[in-house]
PDB file of N, CA and C in Angstrom:
ATOM      1  N   UNK A   1     -14.106 -16.657 -27.273  1.00  0.00           N
ATOM      2  CA  UNK A   1     -12.850 -16.666 -26.431  1.00  0.00           C
ATOM      3  C   UNK A   1     -11.859 -15.941 -26.843  1.00  0.00           C
ATOM      4  N   UNK A   2     -11.111 -15.194 -28.050  1.00  0.00           N
ATOM      5  CA  UNK A   2     -10.721 -13.841 -27.791  1.00  0.00           C
ATOM      6  C   UNK A   2     -11.100 -12.465 -27.391  1.00  0.00           C
ATOM      7  N   UNK A   3     -12.160 -12.570 -27.201  1.00  0.00           N
ATOM      8  CA  UNK A   3     -13.049 -11.204 -26.418  1.00  0.00           C
ATOM      9  C   UNK A   3     -12.276 -11.751 -24.268  1.00  0.00           C
ATOM     10  N   UNK A   4     -13.064 -12.390 -24.449  1.00  0.00           N
ATOM     11  CA  UNK A   4     -12.524 -13.230 -23.299  1.00  0.00           C
ATOM     12  C   UNK A   4     -10.819 -12.343 -22.758  1.00  0.00           C
ATOM     13  N   UNK A   5     -10.040 -13.379 -23.380  1.00  0.00           N
ATOM     14  CA  UNK A   5      -8.657 -13.143 -23.446  1.00  0.00           C
ATOM     15  C   UNK A   5      -8.335 -11.389 -22.924  1.00  0.00           C
ATOM     16  N   UNK A   6      -9.037 -10.832 -23.697  1.00  0.00           N
ATOM     17  CA  UNK A   6      -9.081  -9.391 -24.478  1.00  0.00           C
ATOM     18  C   UNK A   6      -9.606  -8.652 -22.830  1.00  0.00           C
ATOM     19  N   UNK A   7     -10.789  -9.706 -22.233  1.00  0.00           N
ATOM     20  CA  UNK A   7     -10.962  -9.219 -20.814  1.00  0.00           C
ATOM     21  C   UNK A   7     -10.607  -8.807 -20.157  1.00  0.00           C
ATOM     22  N   UNK A   8      -9.339 -10.285 -19.976  1.00  0.00           N
ATOM     23  CA  UNK A   8      -8.846 -10.908 -18.536  1.00  0.00           C
ATOM     24  C   UNK A   8      -7.429 -10.548 -18.737  1.00  0.00           C
ATOM     25  N   UNK A   9      -6.220  -9.205 -19.842  1.00  0.00           N
ATOM     26  CA  UNK A   9      -5.618  -9.108 -19.660  1.00  0.00           C
ATOM     27  C   UNK A   9      -6.337  -7.354 -19.566  1.00  0.00           C
ATOM     28  N   UNK A  10      -7.542  -6.907 -20.147  1.00  0.00           N
ATOM     29  CA  UNK A  10      -7.702  -5.321 -19.381  1.00  0.00           C
ATOM     30  C   UNK A  10      -7.400  -5.628 -17.857  1.00  0.00           C
ATOM     31  N   UNK A  11      -8.235  -6.691 -17.065  1.00  0.00           N
ATOM     32  CA  UNK A  11      -8.427  -6.741 -16.060  1.00  0.00           C
ATOM     33  C   UNK A  11      -6.862  -6.554 -15.543  1.00  0.00           C
ATOM     34  N   UNK A  12      -5.990  -7.484 -16.597  1.00  0.00           N
ATOM     35  CA  UNK A  12      -4.691  -7.506 -16.023  1.00  0.00           C
ATOM     36  C   UNK A  12      -4.046  -6.282 -15.420  1.00  0.00           C
ATOM     37  N   UNK A  13      -4.200  -5.591 -16.605  1.00  0.00           N
ATOM     38  CA  UNK A  13      -3.327  -4.082 -16.701  1.00  0.00           C
ATOM     39  C   UNK A  13      -4.041  -3.104 -15.801  1.00  0.00           C
ATOM     40  N   UNK A  14      -5.688  -3.364 -15.548  1.00  0.00           N
ATOM     41  CA  UNK A  14      -5.801  -2.312 -14.577  1.00  0.00           C
ATOM     42  C   UNK A  14      -4.962  -3.129 -12.897  1.00  0.00           C
ATOM     43  N   UNK A  15      -4.962  -4.056 -12.705  1.00  0.00           N
ATOM     44  CA  UNK A  15      -4.126  -4.501 -11.726  1.00  0.00           C
ATOM     45  C   UNK A  15      -2.936  -3.605 -11.200  1.00  0.00           C
ATOM     46  N   UNK A  16      -2.159  -3.858 -12.542  1.00  0.00           N
ATOM     47  CA  UNK A  16      -1.136  -3.267 -12.848  1.00  0.00           C
ATOM     48  C   UNK A  16      -0.630  -1.640 -12.528  1.00  0.00           C
ATOM     49  N   UNK A  17      -1.973  -0.783 -12.682  1.00  0.00           N
ATOM     50  CA  UNK A  17      -1.890   0.415 -12.880  1.00  0.00           C
ATOM     51  C   UNK A  17      -1.897   0.214 -10.940  1.00  0.00           C
ATOM     52  N   UNK A  18      -2.747   0.045 -11.072  1.00  0.00           N
ATOM     53  CA  UNK A  18      -3.642  -0.273  -9.189  1.00  0.00           C
ATOM     54  C   UNK A  18      -2.320  -0.418  -8.416  1.00  0.00           C
ATOM     55  N   UNK A  19      -1.504  -1.726  -8.936  1.00  0.00           N
ATOM     56  CA  UNK A  19       0.112  -1.879  -7.906  1.00  0.00           C
ATOM     57  C   UNK A  19       0.597  -0.942  -7.935  1.00  0.00           C
ATOM     58  N   UNK A  20       0.607   0.361  -9.333  1.00  0.00           N
ATOM     59  CA  UNK A  20       1.666   1.573  -9.257  1.00  0.00           C
ATOM     60  C   UNK A  20       1.625   2.423  -8.434  1.00  0.00           C
ATOM     61  N   UNK A  21       0.176   2.531  -8.674  1.00  0.00           N
ATOM     62  CA  UNK A  21      -0.799   3.610  -7.454  1.00  0.00           C
ATOM     63  C   UNK A  21      -0.385   3.487  -6.506  1.00  0.00           C
ATOM     64  N   UNK A  22      -0.255   1.678  -5.693  1.00  0.00           N
ATOM     65  CA  UNK A  22      -0.058   2.390  -3.818  1.00  0.00           C
ATOM     66  C   UNK A  22       1.247   2.464  -4.264  1.00  0.00           C
ATOM     67  N   UNK A  23       2.359   1.930  -5.249  1.00  0.00           N
ATOM     68  CA  UNK A  23       3.581   2.119  -5.157  1.00  0.00           C
ATOM     69  C   UNK A  23       3.808   3.744  -4.770  1.00  0.00           C
ATOM     70  N   UNK A  24       3.449   3.998  -5.357  1.00  0.00           N
ATOM     71  CA  UNK A  24       3.394   5.352  -5.806  1.00  0.00           C
ATOM     72  C   UNK A  24       2.864   5.987  -4.257  1.00  0.00           C
ATOM     73  N   UNK A  25       1.852   6.070  -3.478  1.00  0.00           N
ATOM     74  CA  UNK A  25       1.332   6.289  -2.305  1.00  0.00           C
ATOM     75  C   UNK A  25       2.429   5.779  -1.701  1.00  0.00           C
ATOM     76  N   UNK A  26       3.071   4.665  -1.456  1.00  0.00           N
ATOM     77  CA  UNK A  26       4.150   4.780  -0.340  1.00  0.00           C
ATOM     78  C   UNK A  26       5.134   4.850  -0.756  1.00  0.00           C
ATOM     79  N   UNK A  27       6.248   5.022  -2.099  1.00  0.00           N
ATOM     80  CA  UNK A  27       6.879   6.704  -2.012  1.00  0.00           C
ATOM     81  C   UNK A  27       6.374   8.345  -1.425  1.00  0.00           C
ATOM     82  N   UNK A  28       5.076   8.429  -1.714  1.00  0.00           N
ATOM     83  CA  UNK A  28       4.644   9.370  -1.351  1.00  0.00           C
ATOM     84  C   UNK A  28       4.839   9.922   0.438  1.00  0.00           C
ATOM     85  N   UNK A  29       4.640   8.312   1.357  1.00  0.00           N
ATOM     86  CA  UNK A  29       3.986   8.859   2.191  1.00  0.00           C
ATOM     87  C   UNK A  29       5.877   8.132   3.136  1.00  0.00           C
ATOM     88  N   UNK A  30       6.911   7.506   2.214  1.00  0.00           N
ATOM     89  CA  UNK A  30       8.223   7.298   3.143  1.00  0.00           C
ATOM     90  C   UNK A  30       8.690   9.470   2.699  1.00  0.00           C
ATOM     91  N   UNK A  31       8.282  10.044   1.657  1.00  0.00           N
ATOM     92  CA  UNK A  31       8.724  11.148   1.356  1.00  0.00           C
ATOM     93  C   UNK A  31       8.225  11.732   3.390  1.00  0.00           C
ATOM     94  N   UNK A  32       7.106  11.930   3.401  1.00  0.00           N
ATOM     95  CA  UNK A  32       6.931  12.597   4.741  1.00  0.00           C
ATOM     96  C   UNK A  32       7.454  12.039   5.144  1.00  0.00           C
ATOM     97  N   UNK A  33       7.821  10.765   5.761  1.00  0.00           N
ATOM     98  CA  UNK A  33       7.957  10.253   6.827  1.00  0.00           C
ATOM     99  C   UNK A  33       9.332  10.840   7.145  1.00  0.00           C
ATOM    100  N   UNK A  34      10.187  10.836   5.982  1.00  0.00           N
ATOM    101  CA  UNK A  34      11.850  11.092   6.480  1.00  0.00           C
ATOM    102  C   UNK A  34      10.914  12.795   6.557  1.00  0.00           C
ATOM    103  N   UNK A  35      10.694  14.002   6.125  1.00  0.00           N
ATOM    104  CA  UNK A  35       9.921  15.502   6.430  1.00  0.00           C
ATOM    105  C   UNK A  35      10.427  15.132   7.920  1.00  0.00           C
ATOM    106  N   UNK A  36       9.264  14.578   8.398  1.00  0.00           N
ATOM    107  CA  UNK A  36       8.469  13.874  10.148  1.00  0.00           C
ATOM    108  C   UNK A  36       9.983  14.027  10.600  1.00  0.00           C
ATOM    109  N   UNK A  37      11.033  13.085  10.571  1.00  0.00           N
ATOM    110  CA  UNK A  37      12.227  13.072  10.986  1.00  0.00           C
ATOM    111  C   UNK A  37      12.733  14.245  10.643  1.00  0.00           C
ATOM    112  N   UNK A  38      12.946  14.795   9.903  1.00  0.00           N
ATOM    113  CA  UNK A  38      14.656  16.097   9.689  1.00  0.00           C
ATOM    114  C   UNK A  38      13.630  16.888  10.974  1.00  0.00           C
ATOM    115  N   UNK A  39      11.736  17.007  10.733  1.00  0.00           N
ATOM    116  CA  UNK A  39      11.587  18.350  12.333  1.00  0.00           C
ATOM    117  C   UNK A  39      11.856  17.647  13.555  1.00  0.00           C
ATOM    118  N   UNK A  40      11.850  16.513  13.466  1.00  0.00           N
ATOM    119  CA  UNK A  40      11.889  15.928  15.228  1.00  0.00           C
ATOM    120  C   UNK A  40      14.135  16.574  15.134  1.00  0.00           C
ATOM    121  N   UNK A  41      14.537  15.875  14.364  1.00  0.00           N
ATOM    122  CA  UNK A  41      16.133  16.270  15.167  1.00  0.00           C
ATOM    123  C   UNK A  41      16.110  17.213  14.766  1.00  0.00           C
ATOM    124  N   UNK A  42      15.265  18.577  13.516  1.00  0.00           N
ATOM    125  CA  UNK A  42      16.134  19.972  14.331  1.00  0.00           C
ATOM    126  C   UNK A  42      14.480  20.218  15.874  1.00  0.00           C
ATOM    127  N   UNK A  43      13.871  19.618  16.290  1.00  0.00           N
ATOM    128  CA  UNK A  43      13.006  20.130  17.831  1.00  0.00           C
ATOM    129  C   UNK A  43      13.938  19.850  18.375  1.00  0.00           C
ATOM    130  N   UNK A  44      14.589  18.383  17.820  1.00  0.00           N
ATOM    131  CA  UNK A  44      15.916  17.681  18.751  1.00  0.00           C
ATOM    132  C   UNK A  44      14.787  17.500  19.980  1.00  0.00           C
ATOM    133  N   UNK A  45      14.608  16.175  20.022  1.00  0.00           N
ATOM    134  CA  UNK A  45      13.894  15.698  21.819  1.00  0.00           C
ATOM    135  C   UNK A  45      13.079  15.224  21.402  1.00  0.00           C
ATOM    136  N   UNK A  46      11.898  13.921  22.216  1.00  0.00           N
ATOM    137  CA  UNK A  46      10.845  13.939  21.287  1.00  0.00           C
ATOM    138  C   UNK A  46      10.778  12.601  21.201  1.00  0.00           C
ATOM    139  N   UNK A  47      12.337  11.844  21.131  1.00  0.00           N
ATOM    140  CA  UNK A  47      12.743  10.840  19.613  1.00  0.00           C
ATOM    141  C   UNK A  47      11.946   9.966  19.890  1.00  0.00           C
ATOM    142  N   UNK A  48      11.947   9.476  21.537  1.00  0.00           N
ATOM    143  CA  UNK A  48      11.021   8.264  22.177  1.00  0.00           C
ATOM    144  C   UNK A  48       9.659   8.165  21.364  1.00  0.00           C
ATOM    145  N   UNK A  49       8.815   9.086  21.685  1.00  0.00           N
ATOM    146  CA  UNK A  49       8.027   9.556  20.911  1.00  0.00           C
ATOM    147  C   UNK A  49       8.003   8.955  19.793  1.00  0.00           C
ATOM    148  N   UNK A  50       8.107  10.289  19.118  1.00  0.00           N
ATOM    149  CA  UNK A  50       8.892   9.022  17.374  1.00  0.00           C
ATOM    150  C   UNK A  50       8.925   8.451  17.010  1.00  0.00           C
ATOM    151  N   UNK A  51       9.906   7.413  17.552  1.00  0.00           N
ATOM    152  CA  UNK A  51      10.100   5.933  17.463  1.00  0.00           C
ATOM    153  C   UNK A  51       8.723   5.010  18.060  1.00  0.00           C
ATOM    154  N   UNK A  52       7.702   5.501  18.671  1.00  0.00           N
ATOM    155  CA  UNK A  52       6.646   5.620  19.094  1.00  0.00           C
ATOM    156  C   UNK A  52       6.103   5.039  17.922  1.00  0.00           C
ATOM    157  N   UNK A  53       5.138   6.621  17.942  1.00  0.00           N
ATOM    158  CA  UNK A  53       4.299   6.703  16.123  1.00  0.00           C
ATOM    159  C   UNK A  53       4.693   5.778  15.167  1.00  0.00           C
ATOM    160  N   UNK A  54       5.709   5.571  14.782  1.00  0.00           N
ATOM    161  CA  UNK A  54       6.145   5.560  13.803  1.00  0.00           C
ATOM    162  C   UNK A  54       5.995   3.806  13.902  1.00  0.00           C
ATOM    163  N   UNK A  55       6.881   3.201  14.871  1.00  0.00           N
ATOM    164  CA  UNK A  55       5.550   2.039  15.165  1.00  0.00           C
ATOM    165  C   UNK A  55       4.372   1.347  15.377  1.00  0.00           C
ATOM    166  N   UNK A  56       3.437   2.380  15.596  1.00  0.00           N
ATOM    167  CA  UNK A  56       2.398   2.500  14.905  1.00  0.00           C
ATOM    168  C   UNK A  56       2.236   2.845  14.036  1.00  0.00           C
ATOM    169  N   UNK A  57       2.300   3.485  13.452  1.00  0.00           N
ATOM    170  CA  UNK A  57       2.213   3.319  11.611  1.00  0.00           C
ATOM    171  C   UNK A  57       2.672   2.269  10.805  1.00  0.00           C
ATOM    172  N   UNK A  58       3.219   1.524  11.812  1.00  0.00           N
ATOM    173  CA  UNK A  58       4.131  -0.133  10.519  1.00  0.00           C
ATOM    174  C   UNK A  58       2.738  -1.159  10.713  1.00  0.00           C
ATOM    175  N   UNK A  59       2.790  -0.848  12.628  1.00  0.00           N
ATOM    176  CA  UNK A  59       1.349  -1.833  12.422  1.00  0.00           C
ATOM    177  C   UNK A  59       0.709  -1.609  11.521  1.00  0.00           C
ATOM    178  N   UNK A  60      -0.047  -0.457  11.695  1.00  0.00           N
ATOM    179  CA  UNK A  60      -1.274   0.335  10.874  1.00  0.00           C
ATOM    180  C   UNK A  60      -0.516   0.197   9.034  1.00  0.00           C
ATOM    181  N   UNK A  61       0.344   0.460   8.543  1.00  0.00           N
ATOM    182  CA  UNK A  61       0.179  -0.096   7.413  1.00  0.00           C
ATOM    183  C   UNK A  61       0.451  -1.920   6.874  1.00  0.00           C
ATOM    184  N   UNK A  62       1.278  -2.264   7.905  1.00  0.00           N
ATOM    185  CA  UNK A  62       0.671  -3.831   8.093  1.00  0.00           C
ATOM    186  C   UNK A  62      -0.576  -4.032   7.831  1.00  0.00           C
ATOM    187  N   UNK A  63      -1.781  -3.602   8.876  1.00  0.00           N
ATOM    188  CA  UNK A  63      -2.871  -4.237   8.756  1.00  0.00           C
ATOM    189  C   UNK A  63      -3.032  -3.875   7.197  1.00  0.00           C
ATOM    190  N   UNK A  64      -3.295  -2.638   6.597  1.00  0.00           N
ATOM    191  CA  UNK A  64      -3.558  -2.264   5.446  1.00  0.00           C
ATOM    192  C   UNK A  64      -3.408  -3.233   4.374  1.00  0.00           C
ATOM    193  N   UNK A  65      -1.518  -3.922   4.789  1.00  0.00           N
ATOM    194  CA  UNK A  65      -1.531  -4.876   3.665  1.00  0.00           C
ATOM    195  C   UNK A  65      -2.302  -5.889   3.709  1.00  0.00           C
ATOM    196  N   UNK A  66      -2.483  -6.283   4.686  1.00  0.00           N
ATOM    197  CA  UNK A  66      -3.285  -7.513   4.412  1.00  0.00           C
ATOM    198  C   UNK A  66      -4.467  -7.458   4.213  1.00  0.00           C
ATOM    199  N   UNK A  67      -5.076  -6.581   4.328  1.00  0.00           N
ATOM    200  CA  UNK A  67      -6.362  -6.294   4.004  1.00  0.00           C
ATOM    201  C   UNK A  67      -6.280  -6.311   2.807  1.00  0.00           C
ATOM    202  N   UNK A  68      -5.293  -6.068   2.421  1.00  0.00           N
ATOM    203  CA  UNK A  68      -5.176  -5.818   0.135  1.00  0.00           C
ATOM    204  C   UNK A  68      -5.321  -7.096  -0.434  1.00  0.00           C
ATOM    205  N   UNK A  69      -4.302  -7.720   0.638  1.00  0.00           N
ATOM    206  CA  UNK A  69      -3.979  -8.944  -0.083  1.00  0.00           C
ATOM    207  C   UNK A  69      -4.945  -9.696   0.653  1.00  0.00           C
ATOM    208  N   UNK A  70      -6.128  -9.400   1.260  1.00  0.00           N
ATOM    209  CA  UNK A  70      -6.693 -10.113   1.269  1.00  0.00           C
ATOM    210  C   UNK A  70      -7.893 -10.220   0.093  1.00  0.00           C
ATOM    211  N   UNK A  71      -8.596  -9.007  -0.253  1.00  0.00           N
ATOM    212  CA  UNK A  71      -9.719  -8.551  -0.643  1.00  0.00           C
ATOM    213  C   UNK A  71      -8.866  -8.813  -2.213  1.00  0.00           C
ATOM    214  N   UNK A  72      -7.888  -9.612  -2.947  1.00  0.00           N
ATOM    215  CA  UNK A  72      -7.108  -9.490  -3.274  1.00  0.00           C
ATOM    216  C   UNK A  72      -7.416 -11.217  -3.615  1.00  0.00           C
ATOM    217  N   UNK A  73      -7.543 -12.214  -2.810  1.00  0.00           N
ATOM    218  CA  UNK A  73      -7.767 -13.714  -2.744  1.00  0.00           C
ATOM    219  C   UNK A  73      -9.043 -13.220  -3.392  1.00  0.00           C
ATOM    220  N   UNK A  74     -10.146 -12.363  -2.268  1.00  0.00           N
ATOM    221  CA  UNK A  74     -11.790 -13.048  -2.749  1.00  0.00           C
ATOM    222  C   UNK A  74     -12.130 -12.326  -3.636  1.00  0.00           C
ATOM    223  N   UNK A  75     -10.962 -11.390  -5.158  1.00  0.00           N
ATOM    224  CA  UNK A  75     -11.322 -11.136  -6.428  1.00  0.00           C
ATOM    225  C   UNK A  75     -11.503 -12.524  -6.576  1.00  0.00           C
ATOM    226  N   UNK A  76      -9.911 -12.793  -6.468  1.00  0.00           N
ATOM    227  CA  UNK A  76      -9.562 -14.185  -6.850  1.00  0.00           C
ATOM    228  C   UNK A  76     -10.320 -15.585  -7.088  1.00  0.00           C
ATOM    229  N   UNK A  77     -11.225 -15.548  -6.000  1.00  0.00           N
ATOM    230  CA  UNK A  77     -11.842 -16.597  -5.796  1.00  0.00           C
ATOM    231  C   UNK A  77     -13.109 -16.481  -6.863  1.00  0.00           C
ATOM    232  N   UNK A  78     -13.952 -15.456  -6.388  1.00  0.00           N
ATOM    233  CA  UNK A  78     -15.106 -14.698  -7.797  1.00  0.00           C
ATOM    234  C   UNK A  78     -14.756 -14.330  -8.970  1.00  0.00           C
ATOM    235  N   UNK A  79     -13.677 -14.516  -9.590  1.00  0.00           N
ATOM    236  CA  UNK A  79     -13.338 -14.821 -10.363  1.00  0.00           C
ATOM    237  C   UNK A  79     -13.386 -16.166 -11.227  1.00  0.00           C
ATOM    238  N   UNK A  80     -12.409 -17.150 -10.053  1.00  0.00           N
ATOM    239  CA  UNK A  80     -12.472 -18.084 -10.472  1.00  0.00           C
ATOM    240  C   UNK A  80     -14.137 -19.383 -10.291  1.00  0.00           C
ATOM    241  N   UNK A  81     -15.017 -18.583  -9.533  1.00  0.00           N
ATOM    242  CA  UNK A  81     -15.661 -19.296  -9.068  1.00  0.00           C
ATOM    243  C   UNK A  81     -17.371 -19.319 -10.078  1.00  0.00           C
ATOM    244  N   UNK A  82     -16.917 -18.279 -11.049  1.00  0.00           N
ATOM    245  CA  UNK A  82     -18.149 -17.891 -12.052  1.00  0.00           C
ATOM    246  C   UNK A  82     -17.694 -19.354 -12.721  1.00  0.00           C
TER     247      UNK A  82
END
């Protein structure tokens, strides 16, 4: 029984580390977007295209998050189904 609990805690820590890495990647992407916006401002103009690309990236991120939530649900089902 205790071994099972230990394994569960280990999985929980692993999920926490994964979430932390995801947050780190998100911050990294945010910094990159900031730099990109800076460059866009320096160039001047082309702002509409930049906004369009930004919306496109936002949709991509939303789909990515949706896939992650879906895979988490699948993981929960597999664990619970045993």
